[in-house]
Amino acid sequence: MADAQSSRKSLKLSIDLRLIEEARALGIDIGRAAETGLAKVIAAEKTRRWQEENKDAIESWNDYVRRNGLPLAKHRPF
């Protein structure tokens, strides 16, 4: 995000007035907070989609581990 400043876009958003007032009272940068929140939602959605797309492989691997244990488990120092 080194180039984030030059690639910004101004948007018009509707946000609950109480949230805006409380954020201002606390000295919170509303734009930065919105950006941070949006980044978290995007990351969570990407994770959810990856898990959905790879659901069969994950279930298959989990089934293998349930039946056979972890590969190389005997080499674990704990």
PDB file of N, CA and C in Angstrom:
ATOM      1  N   MET A   1       0.815  -1.192   0.000  1.00  0.00           N
ATOM      2  CA  MET A   1       0.000   0.000   0.000  1.00  0.00           C
ATOM      3  C   MET A   1       0.863   1.262   0.000  1.00  0.00           C
ATOM      4  N   ALA A   2       2.090   1.167  -0.425  1.00  0.00           N
ATOM      5  CA  ALA A   2       2.955   2.343  -0.473  1.00  0.00           C
ATOM      6  C   ALA A   2       2.397   3.398  -1.409  1.00  0.00           C
ATOM      7  N   ASP A   3       1.660   2.956  -2.409  1.00  0.00           N
ATOM      8  CA  ASP A   3       1.108   3.869  -3.398  1.00  0.00           C
ATOM      9  C   ASP A   3      -0.350   4.212  -3.083  1.00  0.00           C
ATOM     10  N   ALA A   4      -0.804   3.911  -1.868  1.00  0.00           N
ATOM     11  CA  ALA A   4      -2.213   4.081  -1.520  1.00  0.00           C
ATOM     12  C   ALA A   4      -2.675   5.524  -1.628  1.00  0.00           C
ATOM     13  N   GLN A   5      -1.838   6.477  -1.275  1.00  0.00           N
ATOM     14  CA  GLN A   5      -2.242   7.876  -1.304  1.00  0.00           C
ATOM     15  C   GLN A   5      -2.592   8.328  -2.711  1.00  0.00           C
ATOM     16  N   SER A   6      -1.835   7.898  -3.703  1.00  0.00           N
ATOM     17  CA  SER A   6      -2.084   8.334  -5.070  1.00  0.00           C
ATOM     18  C   SER A   6      -3.226   7.578  -5.735  1.00  0.00           C
ATOM     19  N   SER A   7      -3.670   6.481  -5.135  1.00  0.00           N
ATOM     20  CA  SER A   7      -4.731   5.694  -5.755  1.00  0.00           C
ATOM     21  C   SER A   7      -5.992   5.683  -4.889  1.00  0.00           C
ATOM     22  N   ARG A   8      -6.310   6.785  -4.316  1.00  0.00           N
ATOM     23  CA  ARG A   8      -7.497   6.896  -3.472  1.00  0.00           C
ATOM     24  C   ARG A   8      -8.660   7.468  -4.283  1.00  0.00           C
ATOM     25  N   LYS A   9      -9.887   7.153  -3.829  1.00  0.00           N
ATOM     26  CA  LYS A   9     -11.081   7.661  -4.492  1.00  0.00           C
ATOM     27  C   LYS A   9     -12.025   8.186  -3.435  1.00  0.00           C
ATOM     28  N   SER A  10     -12.564   9.330  -3.668  1.00  0.00           N
ATOM     29  CA  SER A  10     -13.537   9.931  -2.769  1.00  0.00           C
ATOM     30  C   SER A  10     -14.906   9.308  -3.056  1.00  0.00           C
ATOM     31  N   LEU A  11     -15.613   8.929  -1.996  1.00  0.00           N
ATOM     32  CA  LEU A  11     -16.937   8.330  -2.136  1.00  0.00           C
ATOM     33  C   LEU A  11     -17.941   9.043  -1.264  1.00  0.00           C
ATOM     34  N   LYS A  12     -19.194   8.939  -1.643  1.00  0.00           N
ATOM     35  CA  LYS A  12     -20.276   9.463  -0.825  1.00  0.00           C
ATOM     36  C   LYS A  12     -20.931   8.260  -0.147  1.00  0.00           C
ATOM     37  N   LEU A  13     -20.913   8.250   1.194  1.00  0.00           N
ATOM     38  CA  LEU A  13     -21.471   7.136   1.957  1.00  0.00           C
ATOM     39  C   LEU A  13     -22.540   7.631   2.913  1.00  0.00           C
ATOM     40  N   SER A  14     -23.471   6.759   3.237  1.00  0.00           N
ATOM     41  CA  SER A  14     -24.453   7.042   4.280  1.00  0.00           C
ATOM     42  C   SER A  14     -24.069   6.203   5.493  1.00  0.00           C
ATOM     43  N   ILE A  15     -23.797   6.897   6.605  1.00  0.00           N
ATOM     44  CA  ILE A  15     -23.400   6.228   7.844  1.00  0.00           C
ATOM     45  C   ILE A  15     -24.296   6.745   8.962  1.00  0.00           C
ATOM     46  N   ASP A  16     -24.676   5.863   9.851  1.00  0.00           N
ATOM     47  CA  ASP A  16     -25.519   6.215  10.989  1.00  0.00           C
ATOM     48  C   ASP A  16     -24.940   7.435  11.702  1.00  0.00           C
ATOM     49  N   LEU A  17     -25.766   8.450  11.874  1.00  0.00           N
ATOM     50  CA  LEU A  17     -25.347   9.717  12.468  1.00  0.00           C
ATOM     51  C   LEU A  17     -24.750   9.522  13.861  1.00  0.00           C
ATOM     52  N   ARG A  18     -25.322   8.625  14.643  1.00  0.00           N
ATOM     53  CA  ARG A  18     -24.790   8.379  15.995  1.00  0.00           C
ATOM     54  C   ARG A  18     -23.357   7.877  15.939  1.00  0.00           C
ATOM     55  N   LEU A  19     -23.058   7.027  14.967  1.00  0.00           N
ATOM     56  CA  LEU A  19     -21.694   6.519  14.826  1.00  0.00           C
ATOM     57  C   LEU A  19     -20.733   7.644  14.439  1.00  0.00           C
ATOM     58  N   ILE A  20     -21.170   8.491  13.540  1.00  0.00           N
ATOM     59  CA  ILE A  20     -20.324   9.610  13.113  1.00  0.00           C
ATOM     60  C   ILE A  20     -20.038  10.537  14.286  1.00  0.00           C
ATOM     61  N   GLU A  21     -21.071  10.878  15.040  1.00  0.00           N
ATOM     62  CA  GLU A  21     -20.895  11.767  16.185  1.00  0.00           C
ATOM     63  C   GLU A  21     -19.970  11.163  17.235  1.00  0.00           C
ATOM     64  N   GLU A  22     -20.155   9.887  17.511  1.00  0.00           N
ATOM     65  CA  GLU A  22     -19.313   9.222  18.509  1.00  0.00           C
ATOM     66  C   GLU A  22     -17.867   9.125  18.030  1.00  0.00           C
ATOM     67  N   ALA A  23     -17.678   8.812  16.770  1.00  0.00           N
ATOM     68  CA  ALA A  23     -16.322   8.734  16.219  1.00  0.00           C
ATOM     69  C   ALA A  23     -15.631  10.089  16.305  1.00  0.00           C
ATOM     70  N   ARG A  24     -16.336  11.135  15.939  1.00  0.00           N
ATOM     71  CA  ARG A  24     -15.760  12.489  16.007  1.00  0.00           C
ATOM     72  C   ARG A  24     -15.415  12.856  17.442  1.00  0.00           C
ATOM     73  N   ALA A  25     -16.304  12.528  18.379  1.00  0.00           N
ATOM     74  CA  ALA A  25     -16.059  12.829  19.790  1.00  0.00           C
ATOM     75  C   ALA A  25     -14.816  12.106  20.313  1.00  0.00           C
ATOM     76  N   LEU A  26     -14.548  10.937  19.756  1.00  0.00           N
ATOM     77  CA  LEU A  26     -13.386  10.150  20.177  1.00  0.00           C
ATOM     78  C   LEU A  26     -12.143  10.450  19.356  1.00  0.00           C
ATOM     79  N   GLY A  27     -12.270  11.344  18.393  1.00  0.00           N
ATOM     80  CA  GLY A  27     -11.123  11.703  17.567  1.00  0.00           C
ATOM     81  C   GLY A  27     -10.736  10.638  16.556  1.00  0.00           C
ATOM     82  N   ILE A  28     -11.686   9.812  16.167  1.00  0.00           N
ATOM     83  CA  ILE A  28     -11.428   8.730  15.207  1.00  0.00           C
ATOM     84  C   ILE A  28     -11.521   9.280  13.792  1.00  0.00           C
ATOM     85  N   ASP A  29     -10.554   8.939  12.973  1.00  0.00           N
ATOM     86  CA  ASP A  29     -10.560   9.304  11.554  1.00  0.00           C
ATOM     87  C   ASP A  29     -11.581   8.393  10.867  1.00  0.00           C
ATOM     88  N   ILE A  30     -12.720   8.937  10.507  1.00  0.00           N
ATOM     89  CA  ILE A  30     -13.825   8.144   9.969  1.00  0.00           C
ATOM     90  C   ILE A  30     -13.447   7.465   8.654  1.00  0.00           C
ATOM     91  N   GLY A  31     -12.774   8.195   7.779  1.00  0.00           N
ATOM     92  CA  GLY A  31     -12.362   7.605   6.507  1.00  0.00           C
ATOM     93  C   GLY A  31     -11.408   6.436   6.705  1.00  0.00           C
ATOM     94  N   ARG A  32     -10.437   6.602   7.591  1.00  0.00           N
ATOM     95  CA  ARG A  32      -9.471   5.534   7.863  1.00  0.00           C
ATOM     96  C   ARG A  32     -10.161   4.344   8.514  1.00  0.00           C
ATOM     97  N   ALA A  33     -11.097   4.621   9.432  1.00  0.00           N
ATOM     98  CA  ALA A  33     -11.826   3.539  10.089  1.00  0.00           C
ATOM     99  C   ALA A  33     -12.672   2.759   9.082  1.00  0.00           C
ATOM    100  N   ALA A  34     -13.319   3.484   8.170  1.00  0.00           N
ATOM    101  CA  ALA A  34     -14.119   2.825   7.139  1.00  0.00           C
ATOM    102  C   ALA A  34     -13.230   1.972   6.244  1.00  0.00           C
ATOM    103  N   GLU A  35     -12.081   2.505   5.893  1.00  0.00           N
ATOM    104  CA  GLU A  35     -11.129   1.775   5.044  1.00  0.00           C
ATOM    105  C   GLU A  35     -10.642   0.502   5.750  1.00  0.00           C
ATOM    106  N   THR A  36     -10.315   0.630   7.036  1.00  0.00           N
ATOM    107  CA  THR A  36      -9.861  -0.530   7.815  1.00  0.00           C
ATOM    108  C   THR A  36     -10.959  -1.579   7.920  1.00  0.00           C
ATOM    109  N   GLY A  37     -12.183  -1.120   8.207  1.00  0.00           N
ATOM    110  CA  GLY A  37     -13.308  -2.055   8.311  1.00  0.00           C
ATOM    111  C   GLY A  37     -13.585  -2.760   6.995  1.00  0.00           C
ATOM    112  N   LEU A  38     -13.522  -2.017   5.899  1.00  0.00           N
ATOM    113  CA  LEU A  38     -13.749  -2.605   4.581  1.00  0.00           C
ATOM    114  C   LEU A  38     -12.666  -3.630   4.253  1.00  0.00           C
ATOM    115  N   ALA A  39     -11.423  -3.327   4.596  1.00  0.00           N
ATOM    116  CA  ALA A  39     -10.321  -4.267   4.355  1.00  0.00           C
ATOM    117  C   ALA A  39     -10.549  -5.567   5.126  1.00  0.00           C
ATOM    118  N   LYS A  40     -11.048  -5.468   6.361  1.00  0.00           N
ATOM    119  CA  LYS A  40     -11.327  -6.667   7.169  1.00  0.00           C
ATOM    120  C   LYS A  40     -12.456  -7.487   6.566  1.00  0.00           C
ATOM    121  N   VAL A  41     -13.500  -6.819   6.109  1.00  0.00           N
ATOM    122  CA  VAL A  41     -14.634  -7.521   5.497  1.00  0.00           C
ATOM    123  C   VAL A  41     -14.194  -8.214   4.206  1.00  0.00           C
ATOM    124  N   ILE A  42     -13.371  -7.545   3.417  1.00  0.00           N
ATOM    125  CA  ILE A  42     -12.858  -8.137   2.177  1.00  0.00           C
ATOM    126  C   ILE A  42     -12.025  -9.376   2.488  1.00  0.00           C
ATOM    127  N   ALA A  43     -11.133  -9.273   3.465  1.00  0.00           N
ATOM    128  CA  ALA A  43     -10.290 -10.410   3.837  1.00  0.00           C
ATOM    129  C   ALA A  43     -11.141 -11.586   4.318  1.00  0.00           C
ATOM    130  N   ALA A  44     -12.152 -11.304   5.138  1.00  0.00           N
ATOM    131  CA  ALA A  44     -13.022 -12.365   5.636  1.00  0.00           C
ATOM    132  C   ALA A  44     -13.790 -13.032   4.499  1.00  0.00           C
ATOM    133  N   GLU A  45     -14.260 -12.246   3.547  1.00  0.00           N
ATOM    134  CA  GLU A  45     -15.002 -12.809   2.415  1.00  0.00           C
ATOM    135  C   GLU A  45     -14.095 -13.643   1.525  1.00  0.00           C
ATOM    136  N   LYS A  46     -12.862 -13.184   1.300  1.00  0.00           N
ATOM    137  CA  LYS A  46     -11.912 -13.973   0.508  1.00  0.00           C
ATOM    138  C   LYS A  46     -11.618 -15.303   1.197  1.00  0.00           C
ATOM    139  N   THR A  47     -11.463 -15.266   2.513  1.00  0.00           N
ATOM    140  CA  THR A  47     -11.224 -16.496   3.272  1.00  0.00           C
ATOM    141  C   THR A  47     -12.414 -17.439   3.151  1.00  0.00           C
ATOM    142  N   ARG A  48     -13.617 -16.890   3.324  1.00  0.00           N
ATOM    143  CA  ARG A  48     -14.826 -17.715   3.219  1.00  0.00           C
ATOM    144  C   ARG A  48     -14.939 -18.366   1.850  1.00  0.00           C
ATOM    145  N   ARG A  49     -14.668 -17.589   0.805  1.00  0.00           N
ATOM    146  CA  ARG A  49     -14.759 -18.132  -0.556  1.00  0.00           C
ATOM    147  C   ARG A  49     -13.694 -19.193  -0.809  1.00  0.00           C
ATOM    148  N   TRP A  50     -12.467 -18.956  -0.310  1.00  0.00           N
ATOM    149  CA  TRP A  50     -11.395 -19.943  -0.493  1.00  0.00           C
ATOM    150  C   TRP A  50     -11.778 -21.241   0.203  1.00  0.00           C
ATOM    151  N   GLN A  51     -12.301 -21.126   1.426  1.00  0.00           N
ATOM    152  CA  GLN A  51     -12.711 -22.322   2.162  1.00  0.00           C
ATOM    153  C   GLN A  51     -13.833 -23.059   1.438  1.00  0.00           C
ATOM    154  N   GLU A  52     -14.767 -22.327   0.877  1.00  0.00           N
ATOM    155  CA  GLU A  52     -15.864 -22.950   0.133  1.00  0.00           C
ATOM    156  C   GLU A  52     -15.339 -23.642  -1.124  1.00  0.00           C
ATOM    157  N   GLU A  53     -14.457 -22.961  -1.850  1.00  0.00           N
ATOM    158  CA  GLU A  53     -13.901 -23.531  -3.078  1.00  0.00           C
ATOM    159  C   GLU A  53     -13.043 -24.765  -2.801  1.00  0.00           C
ATOM    160  N   ASN A  54     -12.442 -24.827  -1.635  1.00  0.00           N
ATOM    161  CA  ASN A  54     -11.541 -25.929  -1.291  1.00  0.00           C
ATOM    162  C   ASN A  54     -12.137 -26.879  -0.262  1.00  0.00           C
ATOM    163  N   LYS A  55     -13.436 -26.793  -0.080  1.00  0.00           N
ATOM    164  CA  LYS A  55     -14.151 -27.569   0.928  1.00  0.00           C
ATOM    165  C   LYS A  55     -13.900 -29.073   0.787  1.00  0.00           C
ATOM    166  N   ASP A  56     -13.987 -29.588  -0.420  1.00  0.00           N
ATOM    167  CA  ASP A  56     -13.803 -31.024  -0.623  1.00  0.00           C
ATOM    168  C   ASP A  56     -12.396 -31.465  -0.250  1.00  0.00           C
ATOM    169  N   ALA A  57     -11.397 -30.708  -0.657  1.00  0.00           N
ATOM    170  CA  ALA A  57     -10.013 -31.056  -0.334  1.00  0.00           C
ATOM    171  C   ALA A  57      -9.768 -30.973   1.169  1.00  0.00           C
ATOM    172  N   ILE A  58     -10.314 -29.961   1.818  1.00  0.00           N
ATOM    173  CA  ILE A  58     -10.142 -29.809   3.264  1.00  0.00           C
ATOM    174  C   ILE A  58     -10.797 -30.972   3.992  1.00  0.00           C
ATOM    175  N   GLU A  59     -12.016 -31.316   3.601  1.00  0.00           N
ATOM    176  CA  GLU A  59     -12.712 -32.441   4.228  1.00  0.00           C
ATOM    177  C   GLU A  59     -11.970 -33.750   3.997  1.00  0.00           C
ATOM    178  N   SER A  60     -11.440 -33.940   2.805  1.00  0.00           N
ATOM    179  CA  SER A  60     -10.688 -35.143   2.490  1.00  0.00           C
ATOM    180  C   SER A  60      -9.442 -35.246   3.364  1.00  0.00           C
ATOM    181  N   TRP A  61      -8.721 -34.144   3.487  1.00  0.00           N
ATOM    182  CA  TRP A  61      -7.515 -34.149   4.314  1.00  0.00           C
ATOM    183  C   TRP A  61      -7.864 -34.384   5.786  1.00  0.00           C
ATOM    184  N   ASN A  62      -8.900 -33.732   6.282  1.00  0.00           N
ATOM    185  CA  ASN A  62      -9.320 -33.938   7.671  1.00  0.00           C
ATOM    186  C   ASN A  62      -9.720 -35.383   7.916  1.00  0.00           C
ATOM    187  N   ASP A  63     -10.397 -35.989   6.942  1.00  0.00           N
ATOM    188  CA  ASP A  63     -10.776 -37.404   7.061  1.00  0.00           C
ATOM    189  C   ASP A  63      -9.532 -38.286   7.113  1.00  0.00           C
ATOM    190  N   TYR A  64      -8.551 -38.003   6.267  1.00  0.00           N
ATOM    191  CA  TYR A  64      -7.300 -38.757   6.263  1.00  0.00           C
ATOM    192  C   TYR A  64      -6.621 -38.670   7.631  1.00  0.00           C
ATOM    193  N   VAL A  65      -6.542 -37.480   8.188  1.00  0.00           N
ATOM    194  CA  VAL A  65      -5.885 -37.286   9.481  1.00  0.00           C
ATOM    195  C   VAL A  65      -6.649 -37.999  10.586  1.00  0.00           C
ATOM    196  N   ARG A  66      -7.979 -37.976  10.534  1.00  0.00           N
ATOM    197  CA  ARG A  66      -8.773 -38.699  11.540  1.00  0.00           C
ATOM    198  C   ARG A  66      -8.493 -40.196  11.480  1.00  0.00           C
ATOM    199  N   ARG A  67      -8.370 -40.718  10.264  1.00  0.00           N
ATOM    200  CA  ARG A  67      -8.144 -42.152  10.101  1.00  0.00           C
ATOM    201  C   ARG A  67      -6.697 -42.566  10.358  1.00  0.00           C
ATOM    202  N   ASN A  68      -5.746 -41.730   9.960  1.00  0.00           N
ATOM    203  CA  ASN A  68      -4.338 -42.136   9.982  1.00  0.00           C
ATOM    204  C   ASN A  68      -3.443 -41.331  10.923  1.00  0.00           C
ATOM    205  N   GLY A  69      -3.960 -40.266  11.470  1.00  0.00           N
ATOM    206  CA  GLY A  69      -3.138 -39.381  12.284  1.00  0.00           C
ATOM    207  C   GLY A  69      -2.329 -38.461  11.392  1.00  0.00           C
ATOM    208  N   LEU A  70      -1.577 -37.575  12.021  1.00  0.00           N
ATOM    209  CA  LEU A  70      -0.768 -36.625  11.261  1.00  0.00           C
ATOM    210  C   LEU A  70       0.462 -37.311  10.672  1.00  0.00           C
ATOM    211  N   PRO A  71       0.756 -37.026   9.412  1.00  0.00           N
ATOM    212  CA  PRO A  71       1.987 -37.560   8.848  1.00  0.00           C
ATOM    213  C   PRO A  71       3.180 -36.990   9.618  1.00  0.00           C
ATOM    214  N   LEU A  72       4.175 -37.780   9.802  1.00  0.00           N
ATOM    215  CA  LEU A  72       5.404 -37.365  10.494  1.00  0.00           C
ATOM    216  C   LEU A  72       5.178 -37.006  11.964  1.00  0.00           C
ATOM    217  N   ALA A  73       4.054 -37.398  12.535  1.00  0.00           N
ATOM    218  CA  ALA A  73       3.768 -37.068  13.940  1.00  0.00           C
ATOM    219  C   ALA A  73       4.833 -37.634  14.861  1.00  0.00           C
ATOM    220  N   LYS A  74       5.410 -38.785  14.485  1.00  0.00           N
ATOM    221  CA  LYS A  74       6.427 -39.398  15.347  1.00  0.00           C
ATOM    222  C   LYS A  74       7.704 -38.543  15.431  1.00  0.00           C
ATOM    223  N   HIS A  75       7.862 -37.600  14.539  1.00  0.00           N
ATOM    224  CA  HIS A  75       9.049 -36.741  14.542  1.00  0.00           C
ATOM    225  C   HIS A  75       8.826 -35.436  15.291  1.00  0.00           C
ATOM    226  N   ARG A  76       7.631 -35.238  15.818  1.00  0.00           N
ATOM    227  CA  ARG A  76       7.338 -33.993  16.530  1.00  0.00           C
ATOM    228  C   ARG A  76       8.018 -34.021  17.900  1.00  0.00           C
ATOM    229  N   PRO A  77       8.656 -32.940  18.310  1.00  0.00           N
ATOM    230  CA  PRO A  77       9.344 -32.920  19.593  1.00  0.00           C
ATOM    231  C   PRO A  77       8.406 -32.707  20.789  1.00  0.00           C
ATOM    232  N   PHE A  78       7.108 -32.597  20.554  1.00  0.00           N
ATOM    233  CA  PHE A  78       6.168 -32.391  21.668  1.00  0.00           C
ATOM    234  C   PHE A  78       5.041 -33.361  21.593  1.00  0.00           C
TER     235      PHE A  78
END
